[in-house]
Protein backbone atom coordinates (compact mmCIF):
# COMPACT_ATOMS: atom_id res chain seq x y z
CA MET A 1 83.83 25.96 144.39
CA THR A 2 85.94 28.31 146.66
CA ASP A 3 88.94 27.09 144.79
CA PHE A 4 87.46 27.89 141.43
CA LEU A 5 86.83 31.26 142.47
CA THR A 6 90.54 31.75 143.98
CA VAL A 7 91.73 30.37 140.69
CA ILE A 8 89.84 33.04 138.82
CA TYR A 9 90.98 35.70 141.14
CA ASP A 10 94.75 34.92 141.34
CA TYR A 11 94.74 34.08 137.36
CA PRO A 12 92.77 36.89 135.60
CA HIS A 13 95.09 36.46 132.36
CA TRP A 14 93.16 33.21 131.64
CA VAL A 15 89.61 34.92 132.15
CA PHE A 16 90.50 37.59 129.60
CA ILE A 17 91.98 34.75 127.41
CA ALA A 18 88.90 32.58 127.60
CA LEU A 19 86.61 36.00 127.18
CA GLY A 20 88.40 36.68 124.00
CA GLY A 21 88.01 33.01 122.76
CA ILE A 22 84.29 33.29 123.31
CA LEU A 23 84.21 36.65 121.65
CA LEU A 24 85.95 35.48 118.60
CA ILE A 25 83.94 32.42 118.47
CA LEU A 26 80.70 34.88 118.73
CA GLU A 27 82.21 36.64 115.44
CA LEU A 28 81.81 33.63 113.72
CA LEU A 29 78.05 33.95 114.26
CA GLY A 30 78.23 37.26 112.35
CA THR A 31 78.70 40.02 114.80
CA SER A 32 80.23 42.34 111.90
CA GLY A 33 83.43 42.98 113.31
CA TYR A 34 82.71 44.00 116.79
CA GLY A 35 83.15 40.38 118.31
CA LEU A 36 86.37 40.25 116.35
CA TRP A 37 87.81 43.50 118.16
CA SER A 38 86.35 43.15 121.24
CA GLY A 39 88.09 39.48 121.30
CA ILE A 40 91.34 40.81 120.08
CA ALA A 41 90.92 43.46 122.79
CA ALA A 42 90.44 40.86 125.69
CA ILE A 43 93.25 38.47 124.61
CA VAL A 44 95.46 41.68 124.51
CA VAL A 45 94.48 42.21 128.28
CA GLY A 46 94.79 38.61 129.14
CA LEU A 47 98.35 38.61 127.75
CA ILE A 48 99.13 42.00 129.70
CA ALA A 49 97.96 40.50 132.84
CA TRP A 50 99.89 37.75 132.38
CA VAL A 51 103.19 39.73 132.19
CA VAL A 52 102.06 42.47 134.67
CA HIS A 53 100.03 41.68 137.37
CA LEU A 54 97.25 44.55 137.50
CA SER A 55 93.91 44.68 139.73
CA TRP A 56 90.85 43.67 138.00
CA PRO A 57 89.25 47.12 137.72
CA ILE A 58 92.63 48.45 136.08
CA LEU A 59 92.11 45.32 133.63
CA TRP A 60 88.32 45.93 132.95
CA ILE A 61 89.00 49.74 132.30
CA LEU A 62 91.90 48.29 129.95
CA PHE A 63 89.67 45.93 128.15
CA ALA A 64 87.10 49.02 127.80
CA ILE A 65 89.69 51.25 126.35
CA PHE A 66 91.29 48.59 123.99
CA THR A 67 87.47 47.68 122.77
CA LEU A 68 86.66 51.35 122.08
CA VAL A 69 89.84 52.06 120.51
CA SER A 70 89.84 49.21 118.14
CA ALA A 71 86.29 49.08 117.21
CA TYR A 72 86.80 53.24 116.26
CA LEU A 73 90.07 52.18 114.43
CA TRP A 74 87.73 49.55 112.48
CA TRP A 75 84.90 52.21 111.85
CA VAL A 76 87.73 54.45 110.21
CA TRP A 77 89.27 51.85 107.99
CA LEU A 78 85.70 51.04 106.94
CA LYS A 79 84.65 54.62 106.09
CA LYS A 80 88.06 54.91 104.32
CA HIS A 81 87.85 51.55 102.48
CA GLY A 82 84.23 51.08 101.71
CA LYS A 83 84.14 54.13 99.33
CA ASP A 84 85.19 54.61 95.85
CA LYS A 85 87.00 57.68 94.63
CA SER A 86 83.77 59.66 93.95
CA GLY A 87 82.91 59.32 97.75
CA LYS A 88 79.95 57.00 96.69
CA SER A 89 79.82 53.67 98.69
CA GLU A 90 80.24 50.68 96.67
CA ILE A 91 78.80 48.23 99.43
CA ASN A 92 75.68 46.45 97.96
CA GLN A 93 75.45 48.92 94.80
CA PRO A 94 76.56 46.66 91.93
CA GLN A 95 74.83 49.11 89.24
CA GLN A 96 77.57 51.57 90.05
CA GLU A 97 79.72 49.44 88.18
CA LEU A 98 77.82 50.37 84.96
CA ILE A 99 79.09 54.03 84.97
CA GLY A 100 81.54 54.58 82.28
CA ILE A 101 80.14 51.38 80.09
CA LYS A 102 79.66 52.49 76.36
CA THR A 103 76.64 50.71 74.99
CA ILE A 104 73.99 51.60 72.19
CA VAL A 105 70.32 52.89 72.20
CA THR A 106 67.90 50.02 71.61
CA GLU A 107 64.57 51.95 72.03
CA ALA A 108 64.87 55.68 70.76
CA ILE A 109 65.27 57.98 73.47
CA ILE A 110 62.39 60.53 73.28
CA ASN A 111 61.67 63.40 75.63
CA GLY A 112 64.44 62.28 77.86
CA SER A 113 63.37 58.52 78.13
CA GLY A 114 64.26 55.26 76.25
CA ARG A 115 66.25 52.17 76.89
CA VAL A 116 69.78 51.03 76.26
CA LYS A 117 71.34 47.35 75.69
CA ILE A 118 73.93 46.26 78.50
CA LYS A 119 75.07 42.81 78.08
CA ASP A 120 72.08 40.33 77.64
CA GLY A 121 69.49 43.00 79.11
CA THR A 122 68.18 46.08 78.53
CA TRP A 123 67.85 49.26 80.75
CA SER A 124 65.57 52.31 80.94
CA ALA A 125 67.73 55.15 80.24
CA LYS A 126 67.36 58.79 80.44
CA CYS A 127 68.96 61.60 78.47
CA ASN A 128 68.64 65.11 78.04
CA GLN A 129 68.48 65.03 74.14
CA ASP A 130 66.57 62.50 71.94
CA LEU A 131 68.69 59.96 70.49
CA GLU A 132 67.58 57.56 67.87
CA VAL A 133 68.09 53.29 67.73
CA GLY A 134 71.47 52.40 67.50
CA GLN A 135 73.24 55.85 68.85
CA PRO A 136 76.50 55.14 70.59
CA VAL A 137 75.97 56.30 74.27
CA GLU A 138 77.85 56.46 77.74
CA VAL A 139 76.62 55.58 80.91
CA ILE A 140 77.49 58.71 83.35
CA ALA A 141 75.12 57.96 86.26
CA VAL A 142 72.82 55.60 87.86
CA ASP A 143 69.86 56.76 89.31
CA GLY A 144 68.03 53.31 90.99
CA LEU A 145 67.21 51.11 87.88
CA VAL A 146 67.46 53.86 85.36
CA LEU A 147 70.65 54.87 83.76
CA LYS A 148 71.95 58.48 83.15
CA VAL A 149 73.61 58.40 79.64
CA LYS A 150 75.53 60.86 77.27
CA ALA A 151 75.30 60.66 73.37
CA LEU A 152 78.90 59.74 72.00
CA ASN A 153 80.18 60.95 68.74
CA ARG A 154 79.73 58.27 65.86
């Protein structure tokens, strides 16, 4: 047992490389990127420890710093790429893809409410003017399951 502890103490790079491997395996179970970046940070620290012999406290501090920096950079990247040009999140909002679609009124819009046809179904629609059946419209916004539309010229 003491030989094992001596090996661990003398070769810290293997500890961090193994830790990185374990964290990467845990990422496969679904840790949403945190296992990935912590695992990569551990492997980087292991490679640094392999080249430069540093004390254990310094290695753990490097691991913490690399993990925090990589998680922050991941968060910044997600924040930048997880939104479309209008600033609305695209994640789990497939109905946002309906904005800009041109369609027709299938149930007259009276007093601001009616229905429009999109693909093989109909959607509740709101408009600030009354529209007759067959009137072409364009989807300008989505509020839950209700589409906000504007009339198009025939």
